């Protein structure tokens, strides 16, 4: 059963689309509904009122967007993820440099042993 709630989509103060069912204050997910109402429609075939969703805000200072993952809004989560990826890349680069240094040290030790034997 396809239900089109596009004409009733509301937006919060951050421009995020909200569920189109009644007074639901959850974020829009699919077909104009939040994920809870979308699942309810697919499983039961009809929609009912759900308890109001309690949203907490992003834990980043001075950000009042709703949190999406790990206590952060989508913007700050993506920023943290990019920083984490950059740090992991730096660590991988340092590990490669350490391997190269170890190889040079072992080659130098082998050369010193050859010189001592002669």
PDB file of N, CA and C in Angstrom:
ATOM      1  N   UNK A   1       0.834  -1.176   0.000  1.00  0.00           N
ATOM      2  CA  UNK A   1       0.000   0.000   0.000  1.00  0.00           C
ATOM      3  C   UNK A   1       0.883   1.245   0.000  1.00  0.00           C
ATOM      4  N   UNK A   2       0.764   2.040  -1.020  1.00  0.00           N
ATOM      5  CA  UNK A   2       1.571   3.252  -1.111  1.00  0.00           C
ATOM      6  C   UNK A   2       0.781   4.435  -0.585  1.00  0.00           C
ATOM      7  N   UNK A   3       1.375   5.124   0.364  1.00  0.00           N
ATOM      8  CA  UNK A   3       0.751   6.314   0.937  1.00  0.00           C
ATOM      9  C   UNK A   3       1.662   7.491   0.645  1.00  0.00           C
ATOM     10  N   UNK A   4       1.104   8.529   0.080  1.00  0.00           N
ATOM     11  CA  UNK A   4       1.904   9.707  -0.249  1.00  0.00           C
ATOM     12  C   UNK A   4       1.591  10.824   0.739  1.00  0.00           C
ATOM     13  N   UNK A   5       2.550  11.136   1.588  1.00  0.00           N
ATOM     14  CA  UNK A   5       2.383  12.206   2.555  1.00  0.00           C
ATOM     15  C   UNK A   5       3.192  13.436   2.159  1.00  0.00           C
ATOM     16  N   UNK A   6       3.601  13.516   0.896  1.00  0.00           N
ATOM     17  CA  UNK A   6       4.460  14.613   0.460  1.00  0.00           C
ATOM     18  C   UNK A   6       3.818  15.970   0.704  1.00  0.00           C
ATOM     19  N   UNK A   7       2.499  16.041   0.626  1.00  0.00           N
ATOM     20  CA  UNK A   7       1.823  17.329   0.804  1.00  0.00           C
ATOM     21  C   UNK A   7       1.782  17.773   2.257  1.00  0.00           C
ATOM     22  N   UNK A   8       2.088  16.873   3.184  1.00  0.00           N
ATOM     23  CA  UNK A   8       2.007  17.229   4.601  1.00  0.00           C
ATOM     24  C   UNK A   8       3.376  17.285   5.276  1.00  0.00           C
ATOM     25  N   UNK A   9       4.459  17.227   4.521  1.00  0.00           N
ATOM     26  CA  UNK A   9       5.792  17.210   5.127  1.00  0.00           C
ATOM     27  C   UNK A   9       6.052  18.536   5.834  1.00  0.00           C
ATOM     28  N   UNK A  10       6.484  18.427   7.091  1.00  0.00           N
ATOM     29  CA  UNK A  10       6.831  19.596   7.901  1.00  0.00           C
ATOM     30  C   UNK A  10       8.348  19.599   8.053  1.00  0.00           C
ATOM     31  N   UNK A  11       8.873  20.736   8.450  1.00  0.00           N
ATOM     32  CA  UNK A  11      10.311  20.870   8.638  1.00  0.00           C
ATOM     33  C   UNK A  11      10.580  21.454  10.013  1.00  0.00           C
ATOM     34  N   UNK A  12      11.682  21.003  10.634  1.00  0.00           N
ATOM     35  CA  UNK A  12      12.066  21.603  11.912  1.00  0.00           C
ATOM     36  C   UNK A  12      12.866  22.863  11.628  1.00  0.00           C
ATOM     37  N   UNK A  13      13.346  23.524  12.682  1.00  0.00           N
ATOM     38  CA  UNK A  13      14.020  24.809  12.488  1.00  0.00           C
ATOM     39  C   UNK A  13      15.346  24.689  11.747  1.00  0.00           C
ATOM     40  N   UNK A  14      15.858  23.466  11.592  1.00  0.00           N
ATOM     41  CA  UNK A  14      17.111  23.256  10.865  1.00  0.00           C
ATOM     42  C   UNK A  14      16.875  22.842   9.416  1.00  0.00           C
ATOM     43  N   UNK A  15      15.615  22.821   9.013  1.00  0.00           N
ATOM     44  CA  UNK A  15      15.284  22.456   7.639  1.00  0.00           C
ATOM     45  C   UNK A  15      15.232  20.958   7.412  1.00  0.00           C
ATOM     46  N   UNK A  16      15.245  20.162   8.489  1.00  0.00           N
ATOM     47  CA  UNK A  16      15.153  18.717   8.343  1.00  0.00           C
ATOM     48  C   UNK A  16      13.688  18.322   8.238  1.00  0.00           C
ATOM     49  N   UNK A  17      13.361  17.473   7.276  1.00  0.00           N
ATOM     50  CA  UNK A  17      11.981  17.061   7.070  1.00  0.00           C
ATOM     51  C   UNK A  17      11.534  16.160   8.217  1.00  0.00           C
ATOM     52  N   UNK A  18      10.291  16.357   8.645  1.00  0.00           N
ATOM     53  CA  UNK A  18       9.714  15.557   9.721  1.00  0.00           C
ATOM     54  C   UNK A  18       8.677  14.601   9.139  1.00  0.00           C
ATOM     55  N   UNK A  19       8.307  13.619   9.932  1.00  0.00           N
ATOM     56  CA  UNK A  19       7.314  12.627   9.539  1.00  0.00           C
ATOM     57  C   UNK A  19       6.012  13.320   9.153  1.00  0.00           C
ATOM     58  N   UNK A  20       5.355  12.815   8.124  1.00  0.00           N
ATOM     59  CA  UNK A  20       4.119  13.413   7.642  1.00  0.00           C
ATOM     60  C   UNK A  20       2.878  12.917   8.339  1.00  0.00           C
ATOM     61  N   UNK A  21       3.008  12.014   9.304  1.00  0.00           N
ATOM     62  CA  UNK A  21       1.819  11.496   9.983  1.00  0.00           C
ATOM     63  C   UNK A  21       1.487  12.344  11.205  1.00  0.00           C
ATOM     64  N   UNK A  22       0.285  12.870  11.231  1.00  0.00           N
ATOM     65  CA  UNK A  22      -0.247  13.573  12.391  1.00  0.00           C
ATOM     66  C   UNK A  22       0.747  14.493  13.075  1.00  0.00           C
ATOM     67  N   UNK A  23       0.859  14.334  14.386  1.00  0.00           N
ATOM     68  CA  UNK A  23       1.746  15.180  15.170  1.00  0.00           C
ATOM     69  C   UNK A  23       3.086  14.534  15.446  1.00  0.00           C
ATOM     70  N   UNK A  24       3.496  13.576  14.636  1.00  0.00           N
ATOM     71  CA  UNK A  24       4.768  12.876  14.845  1.00  0.00           C
ATOM     72  C   UNK A  24       5.923  13.854  14.655  1.00  0.00           C
ATOM     73  N   UNK A  25       6.854  13.844  15.603  1.00  0.00           N
ATOM     74  CA  UNK A  25       7.980  14.780  15.518  1.00  0.00           C
ATOM     75  C   UNK A  25       9.289  14.086  15.166  1.00  0.00           C
ATOM     76  N   UNK A  26       9.212  12.858  14.655  1.00  0.00           N
ATOM     77  CA  UNK A  26      10.423  12.132  14.261  1.00  0.00           C
ATOM     78  C   UNK A  26      10.897  12.616  12.889  1.00  0.00           C
ATOM     79  N   UNK A  27      12.169  12.401  12.610  1.00  0.00           N
ATOM     80  CA  UNK A  27      12.720  12.816  11.313  1.00  0.00           C
ATOM     81  C   UNK A  27      12.199  11.932  10.196  1.00  0.00           C
ATOM     82  N   UNK A  28      11.956  12.547   9.058  1.00  0.00           N
ATOM     83  CA  UNK A  28      11.512  11.849   7.855  1.00  0.00           C
ATOM     84  C   UNK A  28      12.541  10.810   7.440  1.00  0.00           C
ATOM     85  N   UNK A  29      12.083   9.634   7.032  1.00  0.00           N
ATOM     86  CA  UNK A  29      13.008   8.592   6.589  1.00  0.00           C
ATOM     87  C   UNK A  29      12.671   8.129   5.169  1.00  0.00           C
ATOM     88  N   UNK A  30      11.450   7.634   4.953  1.00  0.00           N
ATOM     89  CA  UNK A  30      11.065   7.087   3.643  1.00  0.00           C
ATOM     90  C   UNK A  30       9.610   7.422   3.338  1.00  0.00           C
ATOM     91  N   UNK A  31       9.326   7.757   2.103  1.00  0.00           N
ATOM     92  CA  UNK A  31       7.962   7.974   1.616  1.00  0.00           C
ATOM     93  C   UNK A  31       7.181   8.965   2.476  1.00  0.00           C
ATOM     94  N   UNK A  32       7.851   9.969   3.001  1.00  0.00           N
ATOM     95  CA  UNK A  32       7.197  10.993   3.788  1.00  0.00           C
ATOM     96  C   UNK A  32       6.942  10.619   5.229  1.00  0.00           C
ATOM     97  N   UNK A  33       7.418   9.449   5.655  1.00  0.00           N
ATOM     98  CA  UNK A  33       7.195   8.980   7.019  1.00  0.00           C
ATOM     99  C   UNK A  33       8.517   8.760   7.743  1.00  0.00           C
ATOM    100  N   UNK A  34       8.449   8.767   9.078  1.00  0.00           N
ATOM    101  CA  UNK A  34       9.626   8.387   9.866  1.00  0.00           C
ATOM    102  C   UNK A  34       9.794   6.876   9.742  1.00  0.00           C
ATOM    103  N   UNK A  35      10.931   6.372  10.180  1.00  0.00           N
ATOM    104  CA  UNK A  35      11.163   4.929  10.053  1.00  0.00           C
ATOM    105  C   UNK A  35      10.166   4.128  10.879  1.00  0.00           C
ATOM    106  N   UNK A  36       9.752   4.639  12.057  1.00  0.00           N
ATOM    107  CA  UNK A  36       8.798   3.911  12.905  1.00  0.00           C
ATOM    108  C   UNK A  36       7.440   3.792  12.219  1.00  0.00           C
ATOM    109  N   UNK A  37       6.935   4.891  11.642  1.00  0.00           N
ATOM    110  CA  UNK A  37       5.651   4.822  10.953  1.00  0.00           C
ATOM    111  C   UNK A  37       5.755   4.029   9.652  1.00  0.00           C
ATOM    112  N   UNK A  38       6.896   4.115   8.992  1.00  0.00           N
ATOM    113  CA  UNK A  38       7.092   3.340   7.769  1.00  0.00           C
ATOM    114  C   UNK A  38       7.047   1.843   8.070  1.00  0.00           C
ATOM    115  N   UNK A  39       7.705   1.414   9.146  1.00  0.00           N
ATOM    116  CA  UNK A  39       7.688   0.004   9.550  1.00  0.00           C
ATOM    117  C   UNK A  39       6.276  -0.400   9.954  1.00  0.00           C
ATOM    118  N   UNK A  40       5.583   0.483  10.671  1.00  0.00           N
ATOM    119  CA  UNK A  40       4.218   0.186  11.101  1.00  0.00           C
ATOM    120  C   UNK A  40       3.303   0.000   9.895  1.00  0.00           C
ATOM    121  N   UNK A  41       3.445   0.854   8.901  1.00  0.00           N
ATOM    122  CA  UNK A  41       2.617   0.758   7.705  1.00  0.00           C
ATOM    123  C   UNK A  41       2.890  -0.532   6.955  1.00  0.00           C
ATOM    124  N   UNK A  42       4.170  -0.912   6.842  1.00  0.00           N
ATOM    125  CA  UNK A  42       4.517  -2.138   6.126  1.00  0.00           C
ATOM    126  C   UNK A  42       4.050  -3.385   6.873  1.00  0.00           C
ATOM    127  N   UNK A  43       4.151  -3.372   8.203  1.00  0.00           N
ATOM    128  CA  UNK A  43       3.806  -4.576   8.966  1.00  0.00           C
ATOM    129  C   UNK A  43       2.307  -4.699   9.230  1.00  0.00           C
ATOM    130  N   UNK A  44       1.631  -3.579   9.541  1.00  0.00           N
ATOM    131  CA  UNK A  44       0.220  -3.640   9.900  1.00  0.00           C
ATOM    132  C   UNK A  44      -0.707  -3.208   8.765  1.00  0.00           C
ATOM    133  N   UNK A  45      -0.185  -2.386   7.863  1.00  0.00           N
ATOM    134  CA  UNK A  45      -1.015  -1.902   6.764  1.00  0.00           C
ATOM    135  C   UNK A  45      -1.764  -0.621   7.097  1.00  0.00           C
ATOM    136  N   UNK A  46      -1.606  -0.114   8.291  1.00  0.00           N
ATOM    137  CA  UNK A  46      -2.248   1.136   8.690  1.00  0.00           C
ATOM    138  C   UNK A  46      -1.349   1.862   9.684  1.00  0.00           C
ATOM    139  N   UNK A  47      -1.681   3.121   9.926  1.00  0.00           N
ATOM    140  CA  UNK A  47      -0.868   3.937  10.818  1.00  0.00           C
ATOM    141  C   UNK A  47      -1.638   4.318  12.072  1.00  0.00           C
ATOM    142  N   UNK A  48      -0.930   4.369  13.195  1.00  0.00           N
ATOM    143  CA  UNK A  48      -1.512   4.825  14.457  1.00  0.00           C
ATOM    144  C   UNK A  48      -0.548   5.803  15.101  1.00  0.00           C
ATOM    145  N   UNK A  49      -1.036   6.472  16.120  1.00  0.00           N
ATOM    146  CA  UNK A  49      -0.168   7.387  16.865  1.00  0.00           C
ATOM    147  C   UNK A  49       0.898   6.595  17.610  1.00  0.00           C
ATOM    148  N   UNK A  50       2.071   7.144  17.670  1.00  0.00           N
ATOM    149  CA  UNK A  50       3.175   6.552  18.425  1.00  0.00           C
ATOM    150  C   UNK A  50       3.540   7.509  19.542  1.00  0.00           C
ATOM    151  N   UNK A  51       4.167   7.009  20.604  1.00  0.00           N
ATOM    152  CA  UNK A  51       4.608   7.952  21.642  1.00  0.00           C
ATOM    153  C   UNK A  51       5.585   8.955  21.037  1.00  0.00           C
ATOM    154  N   UNK A  52       5.557  10.187  21.512  1.00  0.00           N
ATOM    155  CA  UNK A  52       6.458  11.192  20.937  1.00  0.00           C
ATOM    156  C   UNK A  52       7.921  10.767  21.085  1.00  0.00           C
ATOM    157  N   UNK A  53       8.670  11.024  20.058  1.00  0.00           N
ATOM    158  CA  UNK A  53      10.102  10.701  20.094  1.00  0.00           C
ATOM    159  C   UNK A  53      10.820  11.740  20.927  1.00  0.00           C
ATOM    160  N   UNK A  54      11.737  11.270  21.742  1.00  0.00           N
ATOM    161  CA  UNK A  54      12.539  12.200  22.527  1.00  0.00           C
ATOM    162  C   UNK A  54      13.872  12.389  21.817  1.00  0.00           C
ATOM    163  N   UNK A  55      14.107  13.590  21.359  1.00  0.00           N
ATOM    164  CA  UNK A  55      15.338  13.881  20.632  1.00  0.00           C
ATOM    165  C   UNK A  55      16.311  14.601  21.544  1.00  0.00           C
ATOM    166  N   UNK A  56      17.533  14.195  21.461  1.00  0.00           N
ATOM    167  CA  UNK A  56      18.572  14.924  22.168  1.00  0.00           C
ATOM    168  C   UNK A  56      19.391  15.675  21.138  1.00  0.00           C
ATOM    169  N   UNK A  57      20.029  16.730  21.575  1.00  0.00           N
ATOM    170  CA  UNK A  57      20.778  17.550  20.639  1.00  0.00           C
ATOM    171  C   UNK A  57      22.228  17.087  20.552  1.00  0.00           C
ATOM    172  N   UNK A  58      22.876  17.534  19.526  1.00  0.00           N
ATOM    173  CA  UNK A  58      24.278  17.215  19.260  1.00  0.00           C
ATOM    174  C   UNK A  58      25.143  17.621  20.448  1.00  0.00           C
ATOM    175  N   UNK A  59      26.130  16.793  20.759  1.00  0.00           N
ATOM    176  CA  UNK A  59      26.998  17.087  21.900  1.00  0.00           C
ATOM    177  C   UNK A  59      28.119  18.066  21.554  1.00  0.00           C
ATOM    178  N   UNK A  60      28.224  18.457  20.301  1.00  0.00           N
ATOM    179  CA  UNK A  60      29.225  19.438  19.892  1.00  0.00           C
ATOM    180  C   UNK A  60      28.832  20.804  20.452  1.00  0.00           C
ATOM    181  N   UNK A  61      29.790  21.558  20.992  1.00  0.00           N
ATOM    182  CA  UNK A  61      29.457  22.873  21.569  1.00  0.00           C
ATOM    183  C   UNK A  61      28.752  23.777  20.565  1.00  0.00           C
ATOM    184  N   UNK A  62      27.762  24.482  21.024  1.00  0.00           N
ATOM    185  CA  UNK A  62      27.008  25.463  20.248  1.00  0.00           C
ATOM    186  C   UNK A  62      26.239  24.875  19.070  1.00  0.00           C
ATOM    187  N   UNK A  63      25.977  23.572  19.079  1.00  0.00           N
ATOM    188  CA  UNK A  63      25.181  22.951  18.024  1.00  0.00           C
ATOM    189  C   UNK A  63      23.889  22.450  18.661  1.00  0.00           C
ATOM    190  N   UNK A  64      22.760  22.833  18.082  1.00  0.00           N
ATOM    191  CA  UNK A  64      21.487  22.390  18.646  1.00  0.00           C
ATOM    192  C   UNK A  64      20.693  21.521  17.676  1.00  0.00           C
ATOM    193  N   UNK A  65      21.378  20.940  16.688  1.00  0.00           N
ATOM    194  CA  UNK A  65      20.718  19.996  15.783  1.00  0.00           C
ATOM    195  C   UNK A  65      20.475  18.687  16.528  1.00  0.00           C
ATOM    196  N   UNK A  66      19.551  17.905  16.037  1.00  0.00           N
ATOM    197  CA  UNK A  66      19.273  16.612  16.652  1.00  0.00           C
ATOM    198  C   UNK A  66      20.432  15.673  16.401  1.00  0.00           C
ATOM    199  N   UNK A  67      20.778  14.899  17.411  1.00  0.00           N
ATOM    200  CA  UNK A  67      21.876  13.953  17.227  1.00  0.00           C
ATOM    201  C   UNK A  67      21.409  12.776  16.374  1.00  0.00           C
ATOM    202  N   UNK A  68      22.332  12.293  15.562  1.00  0.00           N
ATOM    203  CA  UNK A  68      22.023  11.196  14.653  1.00  0.00           C
ATOM    204  C   UNK A  68      22.797   9.936  15.019  1.00  0.00           C
ATOM    205  N   UNK A  69      24.070  10.091  15.380  1.00  0.00           N
ATOM    206  CA  UNK A  69      24.900   8.932  15.667  1.00  0.00           C
ATOM    207  C   UNK A  69      25.993   9.318  16.650  1.00  0.00           C
ATOM    208  N   UNK A  70      26.216   8.453  17.629  1.00  0.00           N
ATOM    209  CA  UNK A  70      27.271   8.625  18.621  1.00  0.00           C
ATOM    210  C   UNK A  70      27.257  10.005  19.281  1.00  0.00           C
ATOM    211  N   UNK A  71      26.053  10.524  19.520  1.00  0.00           N
ATOM    212  CA  UNK A  71      25.914  11.791  20.220  1.00  0.00           C
ATOM    213  C   UNK A  71      26.127  13.025  19.370  1.00  0.00           C
ATOM    214  N   UNK A  72      26.306  12.847  18.066  1.00  0.00           N
ATOM    215  CA  UNK A  72      26.573  13.979  17.180  1.00  0.00           C
ATOM    216  C   UNK A  72      25.522  14.070  16.086  1.00  0.00           C
ATOM    217  N   UNK A  73      25.318  15.275  15.574  1.00  0.00           N
ATOM    218  CA  UNK A  73      24.462  15.441  14.399  1.00  0.00           C
ATOM    219  C   UNK A  73      25.219  14.904  13.182  1.00  0.00           C
ATOM    220  N   UNK A  74      24.542  14.814  12.069  1.00  0.00           N
ATOM    221  CA  UNK A  74      25.167  14.274  10.863  1.00  0.00           C
ATOM    222  C   UNK A  74      26.399  15.044  10.430  1.00  0.00           C
ATOM    223  N   UNK A  75      26.348  16.373  10.520  1.00  0.00           N
ATOM    224  CA  UNK A  75      27.473  17.215  10.112  1.00  0.00           C
ATOM    225  C   UNK A  75      28.704  16.964  10.976  1.00  0.00           C
ATOM    226  N   UNK A  76      28.517  16.974  12.295  1.00  0.00           N
ATOM    227  CA  UNK A  76      29.658  16.807  13.190  1.00  0.00           C
ATOM    228  C   UNK A  76      30.149  15.358  13.219  1.00  0.00           C
ATOM    229  N   UNK A  77      29.262  14.405  12.986  1.00  0.00           N
ATOM    230  CA  UNK A  77      29.698  13.012  12.912  1.00  0.00           C
ATOM    231  C   UNK A  77      30.593  12.826  11.684  1.00  0.00           C
ATOM    232  N   UNK A  78      30.183  13.390  10.550  1.00  0.00           N
ATOM    233  CA  UNK A  78      30.984  13.276   9.325  1.00  0.00           C
ATOM    234  C   UNK A  78      32.348  13.941   9.505  1.00  0.00           C
ATOM    235  N   UNK A  79      32.365  15.086  10.177  1.00  0.00           N
ATOM    236  CA  UNK A  79      33.620  15.789  10.434  1.00  0.00           C
ATOM    237  C   UNK A  79      34.547  14.932  11.312  1.00  0.00           C
ATOM    238  N   UNK A  80      33.984  14.339  12.360  1.00  0.00           N
ATOM    239  CA  UNK A  80      34.780  13.486  13.252  1.00  0.00           C
ATOM    240  C   UNK A  80      35.285  12.252  12.510  1.00  0.00           C
ATOM    241  N   UNK A  81      34.449  11.707  11.633  1.00  0.00           N
ATOM    242  CA  UNK A  81      34.844  10.522  10.857  1.00  0.00           C
ATOM    243  C   UNK A  81      36.001  10.859   9.930  1.00  0.00           C
ATOM    244  N   UNK A  82      35.922  12.023   9.270  1.00  0.00           N
ATOM    245  CA  UNK A  82      37.014  12.437   8.370  1.00  0.00           C
ATOM    246  C   UNK A  82      38.312  12.612   9.147  1.00  0.00           C
ATOM    247  N   UNK A  83      38.228  13.223  10.335  1.00  0.00           N
ATOM    248  CA  UNK A  83      39.430  13.413  11.154  1.00  0.00           C
ATOM    249  C   UNK A  83      40.007  12.071  11.583  1.00  0.00           C
ATOM    250  N   UNK A  84      39.137  11.140  11.968  1.00  0.00           N
ATOM    251  CA  UNK A  84      39.591   9.819  12.386  1.00  0.00           C
ATOM    252  C   UNK A  84      40.290   9.113  11.227  1.00  0.00           C
ATOM    253  N   UNK A  85      39.714   9.199  10.028  1.00  0.00           N
ATOM    254  CA  UNK A  85      40.323   8.573   8.850  1.00  0.00           C
ATOM    255  C   UNK A  85      41.697   9.178   8.568  1.00  0.00           C
ATOM    256  N   UNK A  86      41.837  10.489   8.725  1.00  0.00           N
ATOM    257  CA  UNK A  86      43.116  11.159   8.490  1.00  0.00           C
ATOM    258  C   UNK A  86      44.159  10.691   9.499  1.00  0.00           C
ATOM    259  N   UNK A  87      43.755  10.556  10.773  1.00  0.00           N
ATOM    260  CA  UNK A  87      44.683  10.078  11.799  1.00  0.00           C
ATOM    261  C   UNK A  87      45.109   8.643  11.505  1.00  0.00           C
ATOM    262  N   UNK A  88      44.152   7.803  11.112  1.00  0.00           N
ATOM    263  CA  UNK A  88      44.485   6.412  10.793  1.00  0.00           C
ATOM    264  C   UNK A  88      45.438   6.332   9.601  1.00  0.00           C
ATOM    265  N   UNK A  89      45.246   7.216   8.616  1.00  0.00           N
ATOM    266  CA  UNK A  89      46.152   7.236   7.463  1.00  0.00           C
ATOM    267  C   UNK A  89      47.547   7.658   7.912  1.00  0.00           C
ATOM    268  N   UNK A  90      47.634   8.668   8.792  1.00  0.00           N
ATOM    269  CA  UNK A  90      48.928   9.107   9.318  1.00  0.00           C
ATOM    270  C   UNK A  90      49.622   7.973  10.068  1.00  0.00           C
ATOM    271  N   UNK A  91      48.860   7.221  10.859  1.00  0.00           N
ATOM    272  CA  UNK A  91      49.431   6.091  11.601  1.00  0.00           C
ATOM    273  C   UNK A  91      49.955   5.035  10.643  1.00  0.00           C
ATOM    274  N   UNK A  92      49.200   4.750   9.592  1.00  0.00           N
ATOM    275  CA  UNK A  92      49.637   3.766   8.600  1.00  0.00           C
ATOM    276  C   UNK A  92      50.913   4.231   7.904  1.00  0.00           C
ATOM    277  N   UNK A  93      50.973   5.532   7.586  1.00  0.00           N
ATOM    278  CA  UNK A  93      52.180   6.081   6.956  1.00  0.00           C
ATOM    279  C   UNK A  93      53.393   5.950   7.890  1.00  0.00           C
ATOM    280  N   UNK A  94      53.188   6.241   9.193  1.00  0.00           N
ATOM    281  CA  UNK A  94      54.284   6.115  10.158  1.00  0.00           C
ATOM    282  C   UNK A  94      54.737   4.661  10.299  1.00  0.00           C
ATOM    283  N   UNK A  95      53.779   3.734  10.293  1.00  0.00           N
ATOM    284  CA  UNK A  95      54.137   2.317  10.383  1.00  0.00           C
ATOM    285  C   UNK A  95      54.979   1.896   9.185  1.00  0.00           C
ATOM    286  N   UNK A  96      54.639   2.404   7.991  1.00  0.00           N
ATOM    287  CA  UNK A  96      55.435   2.106   6.795  1.00  0.00           C
ATOM    288  C   UNK A  96      56.842   2.694   6.916  1.00  0.00           C
ATOM    289  N   UNK A  97      56.948   3.897   7.447  1.00  0.00           N
ATOM    290  CA  UNK A  97      58.265   4.510   7.636  1.00  0.00           C
ATOM    291  C   UNK A  97      59.099   3.712   8.638  1.00  0.00           C
ATOM    292  N   UNK A  98      58.456   3.217   9.692  1.00  0.00           N
ATOM    293  CA  UNK A  98      59.168   2.400  10.688  1.00  0.00           C
ATOM    294  C   UNK A  98      59.673   1.116  10.051  1.00  0.00           C
ATOM    295  N   UNK A  99      58.856   0.491   9.208  1.00  0.00           N
ATOM    296  CA  UNK A  99      59.289  -0.729   8.509  1.00  0.00           C
ATOM    297  C   UNK A  99      60.513  -0.442   7.643  1.00  0.00           C
ATOM    298  N   UNK A 100      60.463   0.684   6.914  1.00  0.00           N
ATOM    299  CA  UNK A 100      61.586   1.040   6.051  1.00  0.00           C
ATOM    300  C   UNK A 100      62.848   1.287   6.874  1.00  0.00           C
ATOM    301  N   UNK A 101      62.702   1.958   8.025  1.00  0.00           N
ATOM    302  CA  UNK A 101      63.855   2.213   8.890  1.00  0.00           C
ATOM    303  C   UNK A 101      64.430   0.913   9.436  1.00  0.00           C
ATOM    304  N   UNK A 102      63.566   0.006   9.845  1.00  0.00           N
ATOM    305  CA  UNK A 102      64.032  -1.291  10.348  1.00  0.00           C
ATOM    306  C   UNK A 102      64.789  -2.047   9.271  1.00  0.00           C
ATOM    307  N   UNK A 103      64.291  -1.952   8.023  1.00  0.00           N
ATOM    308  CA  UNK A 103      64.963  -2.614   6.912  1.00  0.00           C
ATOM    309  C   UNK A 103      66.347  -2.001   6.689  1.00  0.00           C
ATOM    310  N   UNK A 104      66.432  -0.666   6.739  1.00  0.00           N
ATOM    311  CA  UNK A 104      67.721  -0.002   6.569  1.00  0.00           C
ATOM    312  C   UNK A 104      68.680  -0.363   7.696  1.00  0.00           C
ATOM    313  N   UNK A 105      68.173  -0.451   8.931  1.00  0.00           N
ATOM    314  CA  UNK A 105      69.015  -0.810  10.068  1.00  0.00           C
ATOM    315  C   UNK A 105      69.548  -2.227   9.909  1.00  0.00           C
ATOM    316  N   UNK A 106      68.666  -3.144   9.499  1.00  0.00           N
ATOM    317  CA  UNK A 106      69.130  -4.528   9.347  1.00  0.00           C
ATOM    318  C   UNK A 106      70.142  -4.641   8.204  1.00  0.00           C
ATOM    319  N   UNK A 107      69.958  -3.876   7.137  1.00  0.00           N
ATOM    320  CA  UNK A 107      70.934  -3.882   6.043  1.00  0.00           C
ATOM    321  C   UNK A 107      72.262  -3.297   6.512  1.00  0.00           C
ATOM    322  N   UNK A 108      72.181  -2.222   7.322  1.00  0.00           N
ATOM    323  CA  UNK A 108      73.403  -1.608   7.855  1.00  0.00           C
ATOM    324  C   UNK A 108      74.128  -2.550   8.789  1.00  0.00           C
ATOM    325  N   UNK A 109      73.390  -3.272   9.633  1.00  0.00           N
ATOM    326  CA  UNK A 109      74.010  -4.240  10.542  1.00  0.00           C
ATOM    327  C   UNK A 109      74.672  -5.365   9.756  1.00  0.00           C
ATOM    328  N   UNK A 110      74.009  -5.811   8.694  1.00  0.00           N
ATOM    329  CA  UNK A 110      74.586  -6.870   7.862  1.00  0.00           C
ATOM    330  C   UNK A 110      75.879  -6.384   7.209  1.00  0.00           C
ATOM    331  N   UNK A 111      75.898  -5.139   6.754  1.00  0.00           N
ATOM    332  CA  UNK A 111      77.101  -4.571   6.138  1.00  0.00           C
ATOM    333  C   UNK A 111      78.220  -4.443   7.159  1.00  0.00           C
ATOM    334  N   UNK A 112      77.908  -4.009   8.397  1.00  0.00           N
ATOM    335  CA  UNK A 112      78.907  -3.915   9.452  1.00  0.00           C
ATOM    336  C   UNK A 112      79.488  -5.292   9.786  1.00  0.00           C
ATOM    337  N   UNK A 113      78.632  -6.304   9.825  1.00  0.00           N
ATOM    338  CA  UNK A 113      79.124  -7.664  10.096  1.00  0.00           C
ATOM    339  C   UNK A 113      80.056  -8.142   9.012  1.00  0.00           C
ATOM    340  N   UNK A 114      79.752  -7.817   7.754  1.00  0.00           N
ATOM    341  CA  UNK A 114      80.624  -8.195   6.651  1.00  0.00           C
ATOM    342  C   UNK A 114      81.972  -7.502   6.769  1.00  0.00           C
ATOM    343  N   UNK A 115      81.935  -6.216   7.152  1.00  0.00           N
ATOM    344  CA  UNK A 115      83.181  -5.451   7.277  1.00  0.00           C
ATOM    345  C   UNK A 115      84.023  -5.995   8.437  1.00  0.00           C
ATOM    346  N   UNK A 116      83.399  -6.407   9.529  1.00  0.00           N
ATOM    347  CA  UNK A 116      84.146  -6.951  10.674  1.00  0.00           C
ATOM    348  C   UNK A 116      84.746  -8.303  10.340  1.00  0.00           C
ATOM    349  N   UNK A 117      84.047  -9.083   9.522  1.00  0.00           N
ATOM    350  CA  UNK A 117      84.559 -10.412   9.162  1.00  0.00           C
ATOM    351  C   UNK A 117      85.767 -10.305   8.246  1.00  0.00           C
ATOM    352  N   UNK A 118      85.891  -9.244   7.523  1.00  0.00           N
ATOM    353  CA  UNK A 118      87.020  -9.097   6.583  1.00  0.00           C
ATOM    354  C   UNK A 118      88.152  -8.457   7.223  1.00  0.00           C
TER     355      UNK A 118
END
